[in-house]
C-alpha atoms as a PDB file:
ATOM      1  CA  UNK A   1     116.294 148.486 113.226  1.00  0.00           C
ATOM      2  CA  UNK A   2     117.047 149.299 109.934  1.00  0.00           C
ATOM      3  CA  UNK A   3     117.587 145.363 109.250  1.00  0.00           C
ATOM      4  CA  UNK A   4     114.435 144.604 110.695  1.00  0.00           C
ATOM      5  CA  UNK A   5     112.496 147.195 108.365  1.00  0.00           C
ATOM      6  CA  UNK A   6     114.112 146.312 105.298  1.00  0.00           C
ATOM      7  CA  UNK A   7     113.245 142.245 105.883  1.00  0.00           C
ATOM      8  CA  UNK A   8     109.345 143.264 106.652  1.00  0.00           C
ATOM      9  CA  UNK A   9     110.016 144.980 103.529  1.00  0.00           C
ATOM     10  CA  UNK A  10     111.247 142.380 101.408  1.00  0.00           C
ATOM     11  CA  UNK A  11     108.445 139.675 103.351  1.00  0.00           C
ATOM     12  CA  UNK A  12     105.504 141.995 102.130  1.00  0.00           C
ATOM     13  CA  UNK A  13     106.751 142.096  98.627  1.00  0.00           C
ATOM     14  CA  UNK A  14     107.245 138.560  98.465  1.00  0.00           C
ATOM     15  CA  UNK A  15     103.615 138.109  99.563  1.00  0.00           C
ATOM     16  CA  UNK A  16     102.472 140.834  97.196  1.00  0.00           C
ATOM     17  CA  UNK A  17     104.500 138.715  94.685  1.00  0.00           C
ATOM     18  CA  UNK A  18     103.125 135.487  95.535  1.00  0.00           C
ATOM     19  CA  UNK A  19      99.396 136.289  95.665  1.00  0.00           C
ATOM     20  CA  UNK A  20      99.891 138.408  92.144  1.00  0.00           C
ATOM     21  CA  UNK A  21     101.431 134.935  90.703  1.00  0.00           C
ATOM     22  CA  UNK A  22      98.605 132.778  92.220  1.00  0.00           C
ATOM     23  CA  UNK A  23      95.856 134.993  90.630  1.00  0.00           C
ATOM     24  CA  UNK A  24      97.365 135.023  87.314  1.00  0.00           C
ATOM     25  CA  UNK A  25      97.736 131.495  86.879  1.00  0.00           C
ATOM     26  CA  UNK A  26      93.788 131.369  87.805  1.00  0.00           C
ATOM     27  CA  UNK A  27      93.737 133.743  84.470  1.00  0.00           C
ATOM     28  CA  UNK A  28      95.716 131.957  82.762  1.00  0.00           C
ATOM     29  CA  UNK A  29      93.717 128.833  83.381  1.00  0.00           C
ATOM     30  CA  UNK A  30      90.652 129.895  82.052  1.00  0.00           C
ATOM     31  CA  UNK A  31      89.736 128.823  78.579  1.00  0.00           C
ATOM     32  CA  UNK A  32      88.345 130.843  76.059  1.00  0.00           C
ATOM     33  CA  UNK A  33      85.141 129.024  76.590  1.00  0.00           C
ATOM     34  CA  UNK A  34      85.080 129.980  80.522  1.00  0.00           C
ATOM     35  CA  UNK A  35      86.089 133.753  79.354  1.00  0.00           C
ATOM     36  CA  UNK A  36      83.238 133.871  76.711  1.00  0.00           C
ATOM     37  CA  UNK A  37      80.635 132.146  79.635  1.00  0.00           C
ATOM     38  CA  UNK A  38      81.763 134.965  81.948  1.00  0.00           C
ATOM     39  CA  UNK A  39      82.149 137.664  79.215  1.00  0.00           C
ATOM     40  CA  UNK A  40      85.521 137.964  80.490  1.00  0.00           C
ATOM     41  CA  UNK A  41      88.580 139.583  79.002  1.00  0.00           C
ATOM     42  CA  UNK A  42      91.959 138.232  79.634  1.00  0.00           C
ATOM     43  CA  UNK A  43      94.350 140.764  79.478  1.00  0.00           C
ATOM     44  CA  UNK A  44      91.605 143.020  81.426  1.00  0.00           C
ATOM     45  CA  UNK A  45      91.690 140.779  84.242  1.00  0.00           C
ATOM     46  CA  UNK A  46      95.088 140.792  84.554  1.00  0.00           C
ATOM     47  CA  UNK A  47      95.284 144.528  84.920  1.00  0.00           C
ATOM     48  CA  UNK A  48      92.734 144.533  87.254  1.00  0.00           C
ATOM     49  CA  UNK A  49      94.562 141.752  89.388  1.00  0.00           C
ATOM     50  CA  UNK A  50      97.693 143.739  89.063  1.00  0.00           C
ATOM     51  CA  UNK A  51      95.866 146.619  90.414  1.00  0.00           C
ATOM     52  CA  UNK A  52      94.517 144.602  93.008  1.00  0.00           C
ATOM     53  CA  UNK A  53      97.556 143.244  94.466  1.00  0.00           C
ATOM     54  CA  UNK A  54      99.814 146.236  94.003  1.00  0.00           C
ATOM     55  CA  UNK A  55      97.741 149.464  94.439  1.00  0.00           C
END
């Protein structure tokens, strides 16, 4: 029971990390021109990506 719970927690953490890494990669791939076109701020987008995944 404890082992199964630990595995579930680890799987959840890995899934969250993968999602966060995917969002970061997408944000980092945006050029300055892309950001200007959408009126975006890279650091603010990274902050929101973190909040979306980890709460």
